[in-house]
Amino acid sequence: MPGTDTLAVEVTHVSAHGLWLLLGDEELAVPYAEFPWFKKATIEQIVAVERPTENHLYWPLLDIDLSVESLRNPQDFPRVSVLDA
């Protein structure tokens, strides 16, 4: 019996300014200025990203869920977090 299909996602780069994700043939920047939750994360936590659906990314070690669309157009998705309070 075949296993569950998963959609590919790969962290291609991590720098002092953010990280980059490869989703199929699309590479998306995740700047810390827009997504500060990743700034103090370890490499292990960052690379443990899952893509359960085409428009959903999940970092289980950080308990972070993001839509792919929020990475493409962060200005359309106001940043909300209990850490911002």
Protein backbone atom coordinates (compact mmCIF):
# COMPACT_ATOMS: atom_id res chain seq x y z
CA MET A 1 0.00 0.00 0.00
CA PRO A 2 1.55 3.32 -1.01
CA GLY A 3 2.27 6.01 1.54
CA THR A 4 0.77 9.47 1.73
CA ASP A 5 1.85 11.88 -1.00
CA THR A 6 3.51 15.04 0.25
CA LEU A 7 4.30 18.20 -1.65
CA ALA A 8 7.94 19.16 -1.87
CA VAL A 9 9.38 22.08 0.06
CA GLU A 10 13.05 22.74 0.68
CA VAL A 11 14.93 25.41 2.61
CA THR A 12 17.61 26.53 0.16
CA HIS A 13 19.31 29.28 2.15
CA VAL A 14 19.37 30.83 5.62
CA SER A 15 21.07 34.16 6.29
CA ALA A 16 21.09 36.98 8.81
CA HIS A 17 18.20 38.55 6.85
CA GLY A 18 15.89 35.59 6.35
CA LEU A 19 15.44 32.26 4.67
CA TRP A 20 14.50 31.04 1.21
CA LEU A 21 12.16 28.20 0.34
CA LEU A 22 11.96 26.21 -2.87
CA LEU A 23 8.40 25.13 -3.69
CA GLY A 24 8.57 23.18 -6.92
CA ASP A 25 10.18 25.62 -9.35
CA GLU A 26 9.32 28.72 -7.29
CA GLU A 27 11.75 30.18 -4.75
CA LEU A 28 10.27 32.43 -2.07
CA ALA A 29 12.03 34.71 0.38
CA VAL A 30 10.99 34.70 4.02
CA PRO A 31 12.56 37.88 5.42
CA TYR A 32 12.81 38.15 9.20
CA ALA A 33 11.45 41.71 8.97
CA GLU A 34 8.13 40.25 7.77
CA PHE A 35 8.32 36.90 9.59
CA PRO A 36 10.22 37.54 12.86
CA TRP A 37 9.29 34.17 14.38
CA PHE A 38 12.13 32.54 12.45
CA LYS A 39 14.90 34.95 13.49
CA LYS A 40 15.97 33.07 16.63
CA ALA A 41 15.09 29.61 15.35
CA THR A 42 17.79 26.99 14.91
CA ILE A 43 18.68 25.56 11.52
CA GLU A 44 17.18 22.25 12.69
CA GLN A 45 13.87 23.97 13.44
CA ILE A 46 13.83 25.89 10.16
CA VAL A 47 14.61 22.98 7.85
CA ALA A 48 11.93 20.79 9.46
CA VAL A 49 9.25 22.33 7.25
CA GLU A 50 6.31 20.40 5.87
CA ARG A 51 3.89 21.20 3.06
CA PRO A 52 0.68 19.30 3.85
CA THR A 53 -1.23 21.03 1.05
CA GLU A 54 -0.27 23.18 -1.91
CA ASN A 55 -0.91 26.44 -0.04
CA HIS A 56 0.03 25.42 3.52
CA LEU A 57 3.45 25.29 5.16
CA TYR A 58 4.03 24.00 8.67
CA TRP A 59 7.09 24.03 10.93
CA PRO A 60 6.24 21.47 13.64
CA LEU A 61 9.30 22.23 15.78
CA LEU A 62 8.28 25.90 15.89
CA ASP A 63 4.49 25.41 15.75
CA ILE A 64 4.27 27.90 12.87
CA ASP A 65 1.64 27.64 10.13
CA LEU A 66 1.79 29.91 7.08
CA SER A 67 -0.04 30.06 3.81
CA VAL A 68 2.16 30.12 0.72
CA GLU A 69 0.20 33.16 -0.43
CA SER A 70 1.34 35.06 2.69
CA LEU A 71 4.94 34.55 1.54
CA ARG A 72 4.16 35.70 -1.98
CA ASN A 73 2.26 38.80 -0.80
CA PRO A 74 3.09 39.56 2.85
CA GLN A 75 1.58 43.04 2.57
CA ASP A 76 -1.86 41.41 2.16
CA PHE A 77 -1.49 39.47 5.43
CA PRO A 78 -1.01 41.64 8.53
CA ARG A 79 1.37 40.03 10.99
CA VAL A 80 -0.49 38.69 14.02
CA SER A 81 1.12 36.76 16.84
CA VAL A 82 0.80 36.36 20.56
CA LEU A 83 4.48 37.34 20.57
CA ASP A 84 3.52 40.77 19.18
CA ALA A 85 1.26 41.57 22.16
